[in-house]
């Protein structure tokens, strides 16, 4: 089974998640979307790996570890995080949900959202943005109903 390559995921000018494949396990975003914090984190992780290599690590690329993944996930842009446990974070109005479908969602895609403690019925909504500054647990999008591209 082949693992899906890590992709940037940051919003492009068109509002779609960037699909650039990340060339290093230390990268949190592609060169176009990387911030100074991303570059500092990359340098820190690279230095830690180099220190391990010099201490007899054998020249293998570092195995993905929970600590490294957590540090990469903690990198935020303008106070927003765009992924959670490898899932895309999308906004529908003022509420955020996670999406783990095979293709990232884009602005205007119509989705089925789960009910909540007050309203048990599912509802339809359009993607209005990406990322969140909310720290709590996020519900997941139930399913994609229609791509925005299909509407035009």
Protein backbone atom coordinates (compact mmCIF):
# COMPACT_ATOMS: atom_id res chain seq x y z
CA UNK A 1 0.00 0.00 0.00
CA UNK A 2 1.47 3.36 -1.06
CA UNK A 3 1.13 6.29 1.30
CA UNK A 4 -0.43 9.46 -0.04
CA UNK A 5 2.28 12.14 -0.38
CA UNK A 6 2.11 15.08 2.00
CA UNK A 7 0.64 18.14 0.32
CA UNK A 8 0.72 21.81 1.29
CA UNK A 9 -3.04 22.35 1.80
CA UNK A 10 -2.80 26.12 2.35
CA UNK A 11 -5.40 28.22 0.47
CA UNK A 12 -4.38 29.49 -2.98
CA UNK A 13 -5.46 32.81 -4.49
CA UNK A 14 -8.44 30.98 -6.03
CA UNK A 15 -9.48 29.69 -2.60
CA UNK A 16 -8.55 26.06 -3.31
CA UNK A 17 -6.14 24.08 -1.13
CA UNK A 18 -2.64 24.02 -2.59
CA UNK A 19 -1.85 20.56 -4.04
CA UNK A 20 1.96 21.02 -4.13
CA UNK A 21 3.67 17.85 -2.89
CA UNK A 22 6.02 18.59 0.02
CA UNK A 23 9.52 17.41 -0.78
CA UNK A 24 10.72 16.98 2.78
CA UNK A 25 9.30 15.51 5.99
CA UNK A 26 10.23 18.77 7.72
CA UNK A 27 8.07 21.05 5.57
CA UNK A 28 4.72 22.35 6.82
CA UNK A 29 3.93 24.22 3.56
CA UNK A 30 5.30 24.67 0.04
CA UNK A 31 7.74 27.47 -0.77
CA UNK A 32 4.95 29.72 -2.03
CA UNK A 33 2.85 29.46 1.13
CA UNK A 34 5.53 28.97 3.81
CA UNK A 35 5.74 31.62 6.51
CA UNK A 36 8.77 32.61 8.57
CA UNK A 37 7.46 30.35 11.36
CA UNK A 38 7.32 27.44 8.90
CA UNK A 39 10.90 28.08 7.83
CA UNK A 40 12.06 28.32 11.45
CA UNK A 41 10.33 25.02 12.30
CA UNK A 42 11.90 23.36 9.26
CA UNK A 43 15.36 24.57 10.29
CA UNK A 44 14.83 23.31 13.85
CA UNK A 45 13.67 19.85 12.73
CA UNK A 46 16.50 19.61 10.20
CA UNK A 47 19.04 20.54 12.91
CA UNK A 48 17.60 17.91 15.28
CA UNK A 49 17.86 15.27 12.56
CA UNK A 50 21.44 16.31 11.75
CA UNK A 51 22.37 16.02 15.42
CA UNK A 52 20.87 12.52 15.49
CA UNK A 53 22.74 11.60 12.32
CA UNK A 54 26.04 12.77 13.78
CA UNK A 55 25.30 10.75 16.92
CA UNK A 56 25.10 7.55 14.85
CA UNK A 57 21.63 7.74 13.29
CA UNK A 58 22.91 6.09 10.09
CA UNK A 59 21.85 8.57 7.42
CA UNK A 60 18.27 7.36 7.15
CA UNK A 61 15.54 9.97 6.79
CA UNK A 62 13.77 10.44 10.10
CA UNK A 63 10.75 8.26 10.66
CA UNK A 64 7.58 10.30 11.05
CA UNK A 65 7.01 10.57 14.77
CA UNK A 66 4.07 11.80 16.78
CA UNK A 67 6.11 14.70 18.20
CA UNK A 68 7.20 15.92 14.75
CA UNK A 69 3.66 15.60 13.39
CA UNK A 70 2.27 17.52 16.34
CA UNK A 71 4.85 20.29 15.92
CA UNK A 72 4.08 20.59 12.20
CA UNK A 73 0.35 20.65 12.89
CA UNK A 74 0.83 23.35 15.50
CA UNK A 75 2.18 25.79 12.90
CA UNK A 76 -0.54 28.31 12.15
CA UNK A 77 -0.98 31.10 9.63
CA UNK A 78 -2.53 34.32 10.91
CA UNK A 79 -3.91 32.41 13.89
CA UNK A 80 -5.60 29.75 11.73
CA UNK A 81 -4.86 26.05 11.42
CA UNK A 82 -5.77 24.35 8.14
CA UNK A 83 -5.48 20.65 8.97
CA UNK A 84 -6.32 18.42 11.90
CA UNK A 85 -4.89 14.89 12.00
CA UNK A 86 -4.32 15.08 8.24
CA UNK A 87 -7.87 16.22 7.50
CA UNK A 88 -8.71 19.47 5.73
CA UNK A 89 -10.47 22.10 7.88
CA UNK A 90 -13.25 23.88 5.98
CA UNK A 91 -15.63 26.66 7.01
CA UNK A 92 -19.34 26.91 6.38
CA UNK A 93 -20.23 30.43 7.47
CA UNK A 94 -18.91 30.85 11.00
CA UNK A 95 -18.61 27.10 11.75
CA UNK A 96 -15.69 24.80 10.90
CA UNK A 97 -15.67 21.09 10.08
CA UNK A 98 -13.09 18.52 8.99
CA UNK A 99 -13.09 16.82 5.57
CA UNK A 100 -11.20 13.62 4.86
CA UNK A 101 -12.43 12.80 1.35
CA UNK A 102 -10.14 11.73 -1.50
CA UNK A 103 -10.00 15.25 -2.99
CA UNK A 104 -9.90 18.51 -1.01
CA UNK A 105 -13.01 20.69 -0.97
CA UNK A 106 -13.04 24.03 -2.77
CA UNK A 107 -14.95 27.27 -2.22
CA UNK A 108 -18.59 26.87 -3.21
CA UNK A 109 -18.71 23.06 -2.94
CA UNK A 110 -22.05 21.92 -1.48
CA UNK A 111 -21.80 19.45 1.40
CA UNK A 112 -24.03 17.60 3.82
CA UNK A 113 -23.31 18.62 7.42
CA UNK A 114 -24.19 16.62 10.53
CA UNK A 115 -26.82 17.66 13.04
CA UNK A 116 -25.83 18.94 16.46
CA UNK A 117 -27.08 18.72 20.03
CA UNK A 118 -29.89 21.17 19.29
CA UNK A 119 -30.91 20.27 15.74
CA UNK A 120 -30.55 16.56 14.96
CA UNK A 121 -31.31 16.95 11.24
CA UNK A 122 -28.48 17.14 8.73
CA UNK A 123 -28.21 20.27 6.60
CA UNK A 124 -26.68 21.38 3.30
CA UNK A 125 -24.19 24.23 3.08
CA UNK A 126 -21.54 25.73 0.78
CA UNK A 127 -17.85 25.94 1.66
CA UNK A 128 -17.08 29.58 2.46
CA UNK A 129 -13.45 29.33 3.61
CA UNK A 130 -10.63 27.26 5.05
CA UNK A 131 -8.96 27.02 8.45
CA UNK A 132 -10.08 27.79 11.98
CA UNK A 133 -8.83 29.37 15.17
CA UNK A 134 -11.20 27.18 17.23
CA UNK A 135 -9.34 24.88 19.65
CA UNK A 136 -12.14 22.40 20.39
CA UNK A 137 -13.20 19.20 18.64
CA UNK A 138 -14.57 19.62 15.12
CA UNK A 139 -17.36 17.58 13.55
CA UNK A 140 -16.72 16.05 10.15
CA UNK A 141 -18.50 16.79 6.89
CA UNK A 142 -20.88 13.89 6.18
CA UNK A 143 -20.42 13.93 2.40
CA UNK A 144 -19.87 16.04 -0.66
CA UNK A 145 -23.11 16.76 -2.51
CA UNK A 146 -21.89 18.76 -5.50
CA UNK A 147 -18.64 20.38 -6.65
CA UNK A 148 -18.69 24.12 -7.37
CA UNK A 149 -17.12 23.33 -10.77
CA UNK A 150 -20.22 21.32 -11.70
CA UNK A 151 -22.44 24.35 -11.00
CA UNK A 152 -20.72 26.57 -13.60
